[in-house]
């Protein structure tokens, strides 16, 4: 569907973060990004509803802000390369 991040819509799905609300404790599953499989297309960043996928600058690999990530799995679903897996949180 998208060849590069430049083919994505020009803005993220959301523009509001949950910075004042630590929603990470709601998670049952956490996204884990494999740098070996990641092509830095930034689809995960574009579609994260909580702005929990972070890219410091263009060309960097994304990482997950686990303090705010709720573990919805949208990032893993949007990743065409299968670079994001959802792993169960330890009990």
Foldseek 3Di string as FASTA:
>chain_A
DDPALVRDPPAAPDDDAVVVPQLLVLAFWDKDFAPVQDPQRCQLCRHQPHNQWDDPDPPDDTDGNSSRDNQPCPSCVRDPRNRIDIGGDDD
